[in-house]
Amino acid sequence: MQEVYTPADARQAFYRLLKQVATEHKPVTIQQKDKKLDTVIVPKSDWDAIQETLYLSQTETLDHVNRREKDDSSFTNVDDIDWNNLS
């Protein structure tokens, strides 16, 4: 379950929260009176992974990968590759 803090509580525990989020990879929500202002703190590495996944999804690359994984005819045995003659 995601931890939720008020802005005042988050301010008091800010450095501890940053370390916790970074080491445990568990997001923390800062909840405000106006729900449109709620904020989530996530580690940068997780954020980068989310952005990459969104990009791959938007460019339909994920769909292509999923189709290739389901297509048995596109399987290549790594032992069958002539590594010395790749161009």
Protein backbone atom coordinates (compact mmCIF):
# COMPACT_ATOMS: atom_id res chain seq x y z
CA MET A 1 0.00 0.00 0.00
CA GLN A 2 1.23 3.44 -0.92
CA GLU A 3 2.05 5.80 1.92
CA VAL A 4 0.14 9.08 2.01
CA TYR A 5 1.34 12.28 3.70
CA THR A 6 0.04 15.79 4.10
CA PRO A 7 2.36 18.51 2.84
CA ALA A 8 3.25 19.46 6.43
CA ASP A 9 4.09 15.86 7.39
CA ALA A 10 6.06 15.35 4.19
CA ARG A 11 8.03 18.54 4.81
CA GLN A 12 9.04 17.33 8.28
CA ALA A 13 10.14 13.93 6.93
CA PHE A 14 11.35 15.11 3.53
CA TYR A 15 14.89 13.67 3.51
CA ARG A 16 13.75 10.42 5.10
CA LEU A 17 11.00 10.10 2.48
CA LEU A 18 13.44 10.73 -0.36
CA LYS A 19 15.77 8.03 0.91
CA GLN A 20 12.88 5.61 1.55
CA VAL A 21 11.39 6.12 -1.91
CA ALA A 22 14.78 5.72 -3.59
CA THR A 23 15.79 2.57 -1.71
CA GLU A 24 12.44 0.77 -1.44
CA HIS A 25 11.01 1.79 -4.84
CA LYS A 26 7.65 2.50 -3.19
CA PRO A 27 5.98 5.75 -4.26
CA VAL A 28 4.75 8.24 -1.67
CA THR A 29 1.69 10.42 -2.20
CA ILE A 30 1.51 13.99 -0.92
CA GLN A 31 -2.23 14.56 -0.52
CA GLN A 32 -3.63 18.06 -0.48
CA LYS A 33 -7.09 19.49 0.19
CA ASP A 34 -7.56 20.03 -3.55
CA LYS A 35 -7.13 16.51 -5.04
CA LYS A 36 -5.96 18.05 -8.33
CA LEU A 37 -2.81 19.15 -6.51
CA ASP A 38 -1.91 15.70 -5.14
CA THR A 39 1.65 14.68 -5.99
CA VAL A 40 3.52 11.39 -6.11
CA ILE A 41 7.23 11.00 -5.37
CA VAL A 42 8.94 8.16 -7.26
CA PRO A 43 12.60 7.28 -7.76
CA LYS A 44 14.15 8.72 -10.92
CA SER A 45 15.04 5.25 -12.20
CA ASP A 46 11.38 4.20 -11.88
CA TRP A 47 10.25 7.42 -13.56
CA ASP A 48 12.68 6.82 -16.44
CA ALA A 49 11.31 3.26 -16.84
CA ILE A 50 7.74 4.58 -16.88
CA GLN A 51 8.67 7.15 -19.53
CA GLU A 52 10.39 4.48 -21.67
CA THR A 53 7.36 2.20 -21.40
CA LEU A 54 5.04 5.04 -22.43
CA TYR A 55 7.28 5.87 -25.38
CA LEU A 56 7.40 2.24 -26.52
CA SER A 57 3.64 2.01 -26.19
CA GLN A 58 3.02 5.24 -28.10
CA THR A 59 5.29 4.18 -30.95
CA GLU A 60 3.59 0.75 -31.08
CA THR A 61 6.93 -0.92 -30.40
CA LEU A 62 5.41 -2.90 -27.52
CA ASP A 63 2.71 -4.24 -29.83
CA HIS A 64 5.37 -5.35 -32.30
CA VAL A 65 7.38 -7.09 -29.56
CA ASN A 66 4.26 -8.85 -28.27
CA ARG A 67 3.40 -10.07 -31.77
CA ARG A 68 6.96 -11.36 -32.27
CA GLU A 69 6.85 -13.20 -28.95
CA LYS A 70 3.63 -14.97 -29.98
CA ASP A 71 4.89 -15.86 -33.47
CA ASP A 72 6.79 -19.15 -33.29
CA SER A 73 8.12 -18.72 -36.83
CA SER A 74 10.16 -15.67 -35.80
CA PHE A 75 12.10 -17.62 -33.17
CA THR A 76 15.86 -17.59 -33.63
CA ASN A 77 18.03 -19.99 -31.73
CA VAL A 78 21.04 -18.05 -30.51
CA ASP A 79 23.25 -21.09 -31.21
CA ASP A 80 22.31 -20.90 -34.91
CA ILE A 81 23.69 -17.37 -35.35
CA ASP A 82 27.00 -17.05 -37.20
CA TRP A 83 28.45 -14.36 -34.94
CA ASN A 84 31.62 -13.98 -37.02
CA ASN A 85 29.74 -13.01 -40.18
CA LEU A 86 27.19 -10.51 -38.87
CA SER A 87 27.03 -7.33 -40.86
